[in-house]
Amino acid sequence: EAPIKLRSTPGKGSLFSVSLPRAAGAAGRARASDMPPTVADIRNLRVLCIDNEGDVLDGMRALLDGWGCRSVMAAGTDEALERLRGMDGLPSVILADYHLHAGTGVEAVKAIFSAIGRDVPVVFITADHTLEVQREIRGMGFVMLRKPLKAAQLRAILSRISMQLRVAAE
């Protein structure tokens, strides 16, 4: 039995608390192997990154490779299509900038979907915060992150995608 307490102040909010007895010694401690993972394993996730800025691609490669992902970098649509041929399997996810030197990331993603014959999860990482771009990206069912990128946000999204891929494979 665990008593629950409530304290509420009008206009200020409510506080709920639960009191639990302290576990005794090692018998009350859970082993790490008994605990469900809090973050999905993203090692070996195949990630295709498309960005027209070399420095951004270098940073993404360092970040993704540091997490154990298998990353492939491309500066635009043609290079992405070429890199697909050299990938070990289809990409698990595509990370794309919206504005490329030739066309948009949306056009690149459509070309890739056409080439591989199916859709894969897409995350747009863009400095363009206009409502028009947001509507286009989200209207197509893609995720949008803003530059400057927060690594923790990207990792959380990749973890979610990795879990979805595992569930779909089972």
N, C-alpha and C. Protein backbone atom coordinates (compact mmCIF):
# COMPACT_ATOMS: atom_id res chain seq x y z
N GLU A 1 0.85 -1.18 0.00
CA GLU A 1 0.00 0.00 0.00
C GLU A 1 0.90 1.24 0.00
N ALA A 2 0.59 2.19 -0.88
CA ALA A 2 1.37 3.41 -1.00
C ALA A 2 0.43 4.61 -0.87
N PRO A 3 0.55 5.36 0.23
CA PRO A 3 -0.34 6.51 0.40
C PRO A 3 -0.03 7.62 -0.61
N ILE A 4 -1.09 8.22 -1.14
CA ILE A 4 -0.97 9.31 -2.09
C ILE A 4 -1.47 10.59 -1.41
N LYS A 5 -0.69 11.66 -1.54
CA LYS A 5 -1.07 12.94 -0.95
C LYS A 5 -1.30 13.95 -2.06
N LEU A 6 -2.22 14.88 -1.82
CA LEU A 6 -2.53 15.94 -2.77
C LEU A 6 -2.53 17.26 -2.05
N ARG A 7 -1.87 18.24 -2.67
CA ARG A 7 -1.88 19.60 -2.15
C ARG A 7 -2.19 20.50 -3.34
N SER A 8 -3.22 21.34 -3.22
CA SER A 8 -3.63 22.17 -4.34
C SER A 8 -3.86 23.60 -3.87
N THR A 9 -3.39 24.55 -4.69
CA THR A 9 -3.60 25.96 -4.41
C THR A 9 -4.27 26.56 -5.64
N PRO A 10 -5.50 27.11 -5.47
CA PRO A 10 -6.20 27.68 -6.62
C PRO A 10 -5.34 28.74 -7.33
N GLY A 11 -5.30 28.62 -8.65
CA GLY A 11 -4.54 29.56 -9.45
C GLY A 11 -3.05 29.30 -9.49
N LYS A 12 -2.55 28.37 -8.67
CA LYS A 12 -1.11 28.09 -8.60
C LYS A 12 -0.78 26.69 -9.12
N GLY A 13 -1.65 25.72 -8.90
CA GLY A 13 -1.38 24.35 -9.34
C GLY A 13 -1.58 23.34 -8.24
N SER A 14 -1.26 22.09 -8.57
CA SER A 14 -1.43 20.97 -7.65
C SER A 14 -0.14 20.18 -7.55
N LEU A 15 0.06 19.56 -6.39
CA LEU A 15 1.22 18.72 -6.15
C LEU A 15 0.74 17.37 -5.66
N PHE A 16 1.14 16.32 -6.33
CA PHE A 16 0.81 14.96 -5.93
C PHE A 16 2.09 14.30 -5.44
N SER A 17 1.99 13.49 -4.41
CA SER A 17 3.17 12.75 -3.95
C SER A 17 2.76 11.34 -3.53
N VAL A 18 3.71 10.42 -3.69
CA VAL A 18 3.49 9.02 -3.33
C VAL A 18 4.64 8.64 -2.41
N SER A 19 4.33 8.01 -1.28
CA SER A 19 5.36 7.55 -0.35
C SER A 19 5.50 6.04 -0.48
N LEU A 20 6.74 5.61 -0.73
CA LEU A 20 7.02 4.18 -0.88
C LEU A 20 8.04 3.76 0.17
N PRO A 21 7.93 2.52 0.66
CA PRO A 21 8.94 2.05 1.62
C PRO A 21 10.28 1.87 0.93
N ARG A 22 11.35 2.09 1.66
CA ARG A 22 12.70 1.93 1.12
C ARG A 22 13.00 0.44 0.99
N ALA A 23 13.63 0.07 -0.13
CA ALA A 23 14.02 -1.32 -0.35
C ALA A 23 15.18 -1.66 0.56
N ALA A 24 15.22 -2.90 1.02
CA ALA A 24 16.27 -3.34 1.94
C ALA A 24 17.41 -3.98 1.18
N GLY A 25 18.61 -3.41 1.30
CA GLY A 25 19.83 -4.01 0.78
C GLY A 25 19.80 -4.35 -0.70
N ALA A 26 20.69 -5.26 -1.10
CA ALA A 26 20.85 -5.65 -2.50
C ALA A 26 19.62 -6.36 -3.05
N ALA A 27 18.86 -7.00 -2.20
CA ALA A 27 17.67 -7.71 -2.67
C ALA A 27 16.66 -6.75 -3.28
N GLY A 28 16.68 -5.51 -2.83
CA GLY A 28 15.73 -4.53 -3.34
C GLY A 28 16.23 -3.79 -4.57
N ARG A 29 17.49 -4.00 -4.95
CA ARG A 29 18.05 -3.30 -6.10
C ARG A 29 17.85 -4.12 -7.38
N ALA A 30 17.41 -3.45 -8.41
CA ALA A 30 17.27 -4.11 -9.70
C ALA A 30 18.62 -4.10 -10.41
N ARG A 31 18.92 -5.19 -11.09
CA ARG A 31 20.14 -5.25 -11.89
C ARG A 31 19.89 -4.50 -13.19
N ALA A 32 20.94 -3.92 -13.74
CA ALA A 32 20.80 -3.17 -14.99
C ALA A 32 20.23 -4.06 -16.09
N SER A 33 20.59 -5.35 -16.10
CA SER A 33 20.10 -6.26 -17.13
C SER A 33 18.61 -6.53 -17.00
N ASP A 34 18.04 -6.28 -15.81
CA ASP A 34 16.61 -6.48 -15.59
C ASP A 34 15.78 -5.28 -16.05
N MET A 35 16.44 -4.17 -16.27
CA MET A 35 15.73 -2.94 -16.59
C MET A 35 15.53 -2.82 -18.10
N PRO A 36 14.36 -2.34 -18.52
CA PRO A 36 14.18 -2.13 -19.96
C PRO A 36 15.07 -0.98 -20.43
N PRO A 37 15.53 -1.03 -21.67
CA PRO A 37 16.38 0.06 -22.15
C PRO A 37 15.58 1.35 -22.22
N THR A 38 16.22 2.45 -21.83
CA THR A 38 15.53 3.74 -21.87
C THR A 38 15.68 4.41 -23.22
N VAL A 39 16.73 4.06 -23.93
CA VAL A 39 16.96 4.62 -25.25
C VAL A 39 17.23 3.46 -26.20
N ALA A 40 16.58 3.47 -27.34
CA ALA A 40 16.78 2.39 -28.30
C ALA A 40 18.21 2.41 -28.82
N ASP A 41 18.70 1.24 -29.13
CA ASP A 41 20.04 1.09 -29.68
C ASP A 41 20.02 1.58 -31.13
N ILE A 42 20.82 2.57 -31.44
CA ILE A 42 20.85 3.09 -32.81
C ILE A 42 22.13 2.67 -33.53
N ARG A 43 22.91 1.81 -32.88
CA ARG A 43 24.11 1.32 -33.56
C ARG A 43 23.70 0.58 -34.82
N ASN A 44 24.46 0.77 -35.86
CA ASN A 44 24.25 0.15 -37.17
C ASN A 44 23.03 0.66 -37.92
N LEU A 45 22.39 1.71 -37.42
CA LEU A 45 21.30 2.35 -38.16
C LEU A 45 21.94 2.96 -39.42
N ARG A 46 21.40 2.65 -40.59
CA ARG A 46 21.94 3.18 -41.84
C ARG A 46 21.32 4.55 -42.11
N VAL A 47 22.16 5.59 -42.06
CA VAL A 47 21.69 6.96 -42.17
C VAL A 47 22.29 7.63 -43.41
N LEU A 48 21.41 8.11 -44.29
CA LEU A 48 21.83 8.88 -45.45
C LEU A 48 21.62 10.35 -45.14
N CYS A 49 22.71 11.14 -45.15
CA CYS A 49 22.64 12.58 -44.86
C CYS A 49 22.84 13.36 -46.16
N ILE A 50 21.96 14.33 -46.38
CA ILE A 50 22.06 15.17 -47.56
C ILE A 50 22.11 16.63 -47.11
N ASP A 51 23.23 17.29 -47.38
CA ASP A 51 23.39 18.70 -47.05
C ASP A 51 24.43 19.28 -48.00
N ASN A 52 24.22 20.48 -48.49
CA ASN A 52 25.14 21.08 -49.44
C ASN A 52 26.36 21.71 -48.78
N GLU A 53 26.43 21.72 -47.47
CA GLU A 53 27.58 22.30 -46.76
C GLU A 53 28.48 21.19 -46.24
N GLY A 54 29.73 21.19 -46.74
CA GLY A 54 30.69 20.17 -46.35
C GLY A 54 30.95 20.11 -44.86
N ASP A 55 31.01 21.28 -44.20
CA ASP A 55 31.26 21.31 -42.76
C ASP A 55 30.12 20.64 -41.99
N VAL A 56 28.89 20.84 -42.47
CA VAL A 56 27.74 20.20 -41.82
C VAL A 56 27.83 18.69 -41.98
N LEU A 57 28.17 18.23 -43.19
CA LEU A 57 28.30 16.79 -43.42
C LEU A 57 29.41 16.20 -42.56
N ASP A 58 30.53 16.92 -42.43
CA ASP A 58 31.63 16.43 -41.57
C ASP A 58 31.16 16.30 -40.12
N GLY A 59 30.43 17.30 -39.65
CA GLY A 59 29.92 17.25 -38.27
C GLY A 59 28.92 16.14 -38.07
N MET A 60 28.03 15.95 -39.06
CA MET A 60 27.03 14.88 -38.95
C MET A 60 27.71 13.51 -38.96
N ARG A 61 28.73 13.35 -39.81
CA ARG A 61 29.44 12.06 -39.85
C ARG A 61 30.08 11.77 -38.49
N ALA A 62 30.74 12.76 -37.91
CA ALA A 62 31.38 12.57 -36.60
C ALA A 62 30.35 12.22 -35.54
N LEU A 63 29.22 12.92 -35.54
CA LEU A 63 28.18 12.67 -34.55
C LEU A 63 27.58 11.27 -34.72
N LEU A 64 27.15 10.96 -35.93
CA LEU A 64 26.48 9.68 -36.19
C LEU A 64 27.43 8.50 -36.02
N ASP A 65 28.65 8.62 -36.52
CA ASP A 65 29.61 7.54 -36.37
C ASP A 65 29.97 7.34 -34.90
N GLY A 66 30.01 8.43 -34.15
CA GLY A 66 30.25 8.33 -32.70
C GLY A 66 29.15 7.57 -31.98
N TRP A 67 27.94 7.61 -32.51
CA TRP A 67 26.82 6.86 -31.94
C TRP A 67 26.76 5.43 -32.48
N GLY A 68 27.65 5.10 -33.40
CA GLY A 68 27.67 3.74 -33.95
C GLY A 68 26.79 3.55 -35.18
N CYS A 69 26.28 4.65 -35.72
CA CYS A 69 25.46 4.55 -36.94
C CYS A 69 26.39 4.32 -38.14
N ARG A 70 25.82 3.80 -39.21
CA ARG A 70 26.55 3.66 -40.47
C ARG A 70 26.06 4.80 -41.36
N SER A 71 26.87 5.85 -41.46
CA SER A 71 26.42 7.05 -42.16
C SER A 71 27.04 7.16 -43.55
N VAL A 72 26.23 7.71 -44.45
CA VAL A 72 26.65 7.98 -45.81
C VAL A 72 26.29 9.43 -46.08
N MET A 73 27.24 10.21 -46.61
CA MET A 73 27.05 11.64 -46.81
C MET A 73 26.91 11.97 -48.29
N ALA A 74 26.07 12.96 -48.58
CA ALA A 74 25.89 13.42 -49.96
C ALA A 74 25.58 14.91 -49.96
N ALA A 75 26.09 15.62 -50.97
CA ALA A 75 25.90 17.07 -51.06
C ALA A 75 24.64 17.45 -51.83
N GLY A 76 24.00 16.50 -52.49
CA GLY A 76 22.80 16.81 -53.26
C GLY A 76 22.14 15.55 -53.77
N THR A 77 21.13 15.73 -54.61
CA THR A 77 20.33 14.61 -55.11
C THR A 77 21.16 13.61 -55.89
N ASP A 78 21.91 14.08 -56.88
CA ASP A 78 22.68 13.17 -57.73
C ASP A 78 23.68 12.36 -56.91
N GLU A 79 24.37 13.04 -56.01
CA GLU A 79 25.36 12.35 -55.17
C GLU A 79 24.67 11.36 -54.23
N ALA A 80 23.50 11.71 -53.72
CA ALA A 80 22.76 10.79 -52.84
C ALA A 80 22.36 9.53 -53.60
N LEU A 81 21.88 9.70 -54.83
CA LEU A 81 21.49 8.54 -55.65
C LEU A 81 22.71 7.67 -55.95
N GLU A 82 23.85 8.30 -56.19
CA GLU A 82 25.08 7.56 -56.44
C GLU A 82 25.52 6.79 -55.18
N ARG A 83 25.45 7.45 -54.03
CA ARG A 83 25.87 6.83 -52.77
C ARG A 83 24.95 5.65 -52.39
N LEU A 84 23.68 5.73 -52.79
CA LEU A 84 22.75 4.63 -52.51
C LEU A 84 23.25 3.32 -53.09
N ARG A 85 23.83 3.39 -54.26
CA ARG A 85 24.34 2.17 -54.92
C ARG A 85 25.44 1.52 -54.11
N GLY A 86 26.20 2.31 -53.37
CA GLY A 86 27.30 1.76 -52.58
C GLY A 86 26.92 1.40 -51.15
N MET A 87 25.66 1.67 -50.76
CA MET A 87 25.24 1.38 -49.38
C MET A 87 25.00 -0.11 -49.20
N ASP A 88 25.27 -0.57 -48.01
CA ASP A 88 24.99 -1.96 -47.62
C ASP A 88 23.53 -2.02 -47.19
N GLY A 89 22.62 -2.15 -48.13
CA GLY A 89 21.19 -2.13 -47.83
C GLY A 89 20.61 -0.74 -48.00
N LEU A 90 19.32 -0.64 -47.84
CA LEU A 90 18.63 0.64 -47.97
C LEU A 90 18.87 1.48 -46.72
N PRO A 91 18.76 2.81 -46.85
CA PRO A 91 18.90 3.63 -45.64
C PRO A 91 17.75 3.36 -44.68
N SER A 92 18.06 3.36 -43.39
CA SER A 92 17.04 3.23 -42.35
C SER A 92 16.32 4.56 -42.18
N VAL A 93 17.04 5.64 -42.42
CA VAL A 93 16.51 6.99 -42.25
C VAL A 93 17.32 7.94 -43.13
N ILE A 94 16.66 9.00 -43.59
CA ILE A 94 17.33 10.04 -44.36
C ILE A 94 17.28 11.33 -43.54
N LEU A 95 18.43 11.97 -43.39
CA LEU A 95 18.52 13.30 -42.78
C LEU A 95 18.84 14.26 -43.90
N ALA A 96 18.01 15.27 -44.10
CA ALA A 96 18.21 16.17 -45.24
C ALA A 96 18.03 17.62 -44.85
N ASP A 97 18.86 18.46 -45.46
CA ASP A 97 18.68 19.90 -45.36
C ASP A 97 17.57 20.26 -46.35
N TYR A 98 16.86 21.35 -46.10
CA TYR A 98 15.79 21.74 -47.02
C TYR A 98 16.36 22.40 -48.27
N HIS A 99 17.25 23.38 -48.08
CA HIS A 99 17.82 24.11 -49.21
C HIS A 99 19.14 23.47 -49.64
N LEU A 100 19.18 23.00 -50.87
CA LEU A 100 20.39 22.43 -51.45
C LEU A 100 20.84 23.36 -52.59
N HIS A 101 22.05 23.17 -53.09
CA HIS A 101 22.52 24.02 -54.20
C HIS A 101 21.61 23.87 -55.41
N ALA A 102 21.19 22.66 -55.69
CA ALA A 102 20.30 22.40 -56.83
C ALA A 102 19.01 21.80 -56.28
N GLY A 103 17.97 22.61 -56.18
CA GLY A 103 16.67 22.11 -55.71
C GLY A 103 16.57 22.08 -54.20
N THR A 104 15.59 21.29 -53.75
CA THR A 104 15.33 21.19 -52.31
C THR A 104 15.55 19.76 -51.82
N GLY A 105 15.65 19.64 -50.52
CA GLY A 105 15.76 18.33 -49.90
C GLY A 105 14.52 17.49 -50.17
N VAL A 106 13.36 18.13 -50.27
CA VAL A 106 12.12 17.40 -50.57
C VAL A 106 12.23 16.74 -51.94
N GLU A 107 12.76 17.47 -52.92
CA GLU A 107 12.95 16.90 -54.25
C GLU A 107 13.94 15.74 -54.21
N ALA A 108 15.00 15.89 -53.43
CA ALA A 108 16.00 14.82 -53.29
C ALA A 108 15.37 13.57 -52.68
N VAL A 109 14.57 13.77 -51.64
CA VAL A 109 13.93 12.63 -50.96
C VAL A 109 12.97 11.92 -51.92
N LYS A 110 12.20 12.68 -52.70
CA LYS A 110 11.29 12.07 -53.67
C LYS A 110 12.06 11.24 -54.70
N ALA A 111 13.19 11.75 -55.15
CA ALA A 111 14.02 11.02 -56.12
C ALA A 111 14.56 9.72 -55.49
N ILE A 112 14.94 9.80 -54.24
CA ILE A 112 15.46 8.61 -53.55
C ILE A 112 14.34 7.58 -53.37
N PHE A 113 13.16 8.03 -52.95
CA PHE A 113 12.02 7.10 -52.80
C PHE A 113 11.72 6.41 -54.12
N SER A 114 11.78 7.16 -55.20
CA SER A 114 11.52 6.60 -56.53
C SER A 114 12.59 5.56 -56.88
N ALA A 115 13.84 5.86 -56.56
CA ALA A 115 14.95 4.96 -56.88
C ALA A 115 14.91 3.66 -56.07
N ILE A 116 14.51 3.75 -54.81
CA ILE A 116 14.51 2.55 -53.97
C ILE A 116 13.16 1.84 -53.94
N GLY A 117 12.14 2.50 -54.49
CA GLY A 117 10.84 1.86 -54.59
C GLY A 117 10.02 1.83 -53.32
N ARG A 118 10.42 2.61 -52.33
CA ARG A 118 9.64 2.69 -51.09
C ARG A 118 10.06 3.90 -50.28
N ASP A 119 9.22 4.23 -49.30
CA ASP A 119 9.53 5.35 -48.41
C ASP A 119 10.34 4.85 -47.22
N VAL A 120 11.13 5.73 -46.64
CA VAL A 120 11.82 5.48 -45.37
C VAL A 120 11.62 6.72 -44.53
N PRO A 121 11.82 6.64 -43.22
CA PRO A 121 11.67 7.84 -42.38
C PRO A 121 12.63 8.95 -42.81
N VAL A 122 12.13 10.18 -42.73
CA VAL A 122 12.92 11.34 -43.14
C VAL A 122 12.86 12.40 -42.04
N VAL A 123 14.02 12.98 -41.75
CA VAL A 123 14.12 14.10 -40.81
C VAL A 123 14.78 15.25 -41.57
N PHE A 124 14.09 16.37 -41.65
CA PHE A 124 14.68 17.56 -42.25
C PHE A 124 15.30 18.39 -41.15
N ILE A 125 16.54 18.82 -41.39
CA ILE A 125 17.26 19.67 -40.46
C ILE A 125 17.54 20.95 -41.23
N THR A 126 16.86 22.04 -40.87
CA THR A 126 16.93 23.24 -41.68
C THR A 126 17.02 24.52 -40.84
N ALA A 127 17.66 25.51 -41.43
CA ALA A 127 17.71 26.84 -40.80
C ALA A 127 16.55 27.70 -41.28
N ASP A 128 15.78 27.18 -42.23
CA ASP A 128 14.63 27.91 -42.76
C ASP A 128 13.43 27.66 -41.84
N HIS A 129 13.05 28.65 -41.09
CA HIS A 129 11.98 28.50 -40.11
C HIS A 129 10.65 29.07 -40.61
N THR A 130 10.55 29.31 -41.91
CA THR A 130 9.32 29.91 -42.44
C THR A 130 8.16 28.93 -42.33
N LEU A 131 6.98 29.49 -42.16
CA LEU A 131 5.77 28.69 -42.04
C LEU A 131 5.54 27.84 -43.28
N GLU A 132 5.85 28.38 -44.44
CA GLU A 132 5.67 27.65 -45.70
C GLU A 132 6.49 26.36 -45.72
N VAL A 133 7.74 26.44 -45.31
CA VAL A 133 8.61 25.26 -45.28
C VAL A 133 8.12 24.27 -44.22
N GLN A 134 7.76 24.78 -43.06
CA GLN A 134 7.24 23.90 -42.01
C GLN A 134 6.01 23.14 -42.50
N ARG A 135 5.10 23.84 -43.15
CA ARG A 135 3.88 23.19 -43.65
C ARG A 135 4.19 22.13 -44.70
N GLU A 136 5.11 22.44 -45.60
CA GLU A 136 5.46 21.48 -46.65
C GLU A 136 6.06 20.21 -46.04
N ILE A 137 7.01 20.38 -45.14
CA ILE A 137 7.70 19.23 -44.53
C ILE A 137 6.73 18.41 -43.69
N ARG A 138 6.01 19.06 -42.81
CA ARG A 138 5.09 18.33 -41.93
C ARG A 138 3.89 17.77 -42.69
N GLY A 139 3.46 18.48 -43.75
CA GLY A 139 2.35 18.02 -44.58
C GLY A 139 2.67 16.72 -45.29
N MET A 140 3.94 16.45 -45.52
CA MET A 140 4.36 15.21 -46.16
C MET A 140 4.63 14.11 -45.13
N GLY A 141 4.43 14.44 -43.84
CA GLY A 141 4.63 13.45 -42.78
C GLY A 141 6.06 13.30 -42.32
N PHE A 142 6.91 14.27 -42.66
CA PHE A 142 8.30 14.22 -42.25
C PHE A 142 8.50 15.00 -40.95
N VAL A 143 9.57 14.68 -40.27
CA VAL A 143 9.95 15.37 -39.04
C VAL A 143 10.83 16.55 -39.43
N MET A 144 10.71 17.65 -38.68
CA MET A 144 11.53 18.82 -38.95
C MET A 144 12.25 19.25 -37.67
N LEU A 145 13.57 19.40 -37.78
CA LEU A 145 14.38 19.95 -36.70
C LEU A 145 15.02 21.23 -37.22
N ARG A 146 15.23 22.16 -36.32
CA ARG A 146 15.82 23.45 -36.70
C ARG A 146 17.31 23.48 -36.43
N LYS A 147 18.00 24.17 -37.32
CA LYS A 147 19.42 24.45 -37.08
C LYS A 147 19.50 25.69 -36.22
N PRO A 148 20.41 25.81 -35.30
CA PRO A 148 21.43 24.82 -35.01
C PRO A 148 20.83 23.58 -34.34
N LEU A 149 21.32 22.45 -34.76
CA LEU A 149 20.79 21.16 -34.32
C LEU A 149 21.18 20.85 -32.88
N LYS A 150 20.22 20.34 -32.14
CA LYS A 150 20.49 19.84 -30.79
C LYS A 150 20.67 18.33 -30.91
N ALA A 151 21.87 17.86 -30.60
CA ALA A 151 22.20 16.45 -30.78
C ALA A 151 21.24 15.54 -30.02
N ALA A 152 20.84 15.93 -28.82
CA ALA A 152 19.93 15.10 -28.02
C ALA A 152 18.58 14.93 -28.72
N GLN A 153 18.11 15.97 -29.39
CA GLN A 153 16.85 15.87 -30.13
C GLN A 153 16.97 14.86 -31.26
N LEU A 154 18.07 14.95 -32.00
CA LEU A 154 18.27 14.03 -33.11
C LEU A 154 18.40 12.61 -32.60
N ARG A 155 19.14 12.42 -31.54
CA ARG A 155 19.32 11.06 -31.00
C ARG A 155 17.98 10.48 -30.56
N ALA A 156 17.13 11.29 -29.93
CA ALA A 156 15.81 10.82 -29.51
C ALA A 156 14.97 10.39 -30.71
N ILE A 157 15.02 11.16 -31.77
CA ILE A 157 14.26 10.82 -32.98
C ILE A 157 14.81 9.54 -33.61
N LEU A 158 16.13 9.42 -33.69
CA LEU A 158 16.73 8.21 -34.25
C LEU A 158 16.40 6.99 -33.39
N SER A 159 16.36 7.17 -32.08
CA SER A 159 15.98 6.08 -31.18
C SER A 159 14.56 5.63 -31.45
N ARG A 160 13.66 6.60 -31.62
CA ARG A 160 12.25 6.26 -31.91
C ARG A 160 12.13 5.52 -33.24
N ILE A 161 12.84 5.99 -34.24
CA ILE A 161 12.81 5.33 -35.56
C ILE A 161 13.37 3.92 -35.44
N SER A 162 14.46 3.76 -34.71
CA SER A 162 15.07 2.44 -34.52
C SER A 162 14.09 1.47 -33.85
N MET A 163 13.38 1.96 -32.83
CA MET A 163 12.39 1.10 -32.16
C MET A 163 11.26 0.72 -33.11
N GLN A 164 10.80 1.69 -33.92
CA GLN A 164 9.72 1.41 -34.87
C GLN A 164 10.16 0.39 -35.90
N LEU A 165 11.39 0.49 -36.36
CA LEU A 165 11.91 -0.47 -37.33
C LEU A 165 12.00 -1.87 -36.73
N ARG A 166 12.40 -1.95 -35.47
CA ARG A 166 12.49 -3.27 -34.80
C ARG A 166 11.11 -3.89 -34.64
N VAL A 167 10.14 -3.07 -34.24
CA VAL A 167 8.77 -3.58 -34.06
C VAL A 167 8.21 -4.05 -35.40
N ALA A 168 8.46 -3.28 -36.46
CA ALA A 168 7.96 -3.63 -37.79
C ALA A 168 8.61 -4.93 -38.30
N ALA A 169 9.87 -5.17 -37.91
CA ALA A 169 10.58 -6.36 -38.36
C ALA A 169 10.13 -7.62 -37.62
N GLU A 170 9.51 -7.46 -36.46
CA GLU A 170 9.11 -8.64 -35.65
C GLU A 170 7.82 -9.24 -36.14
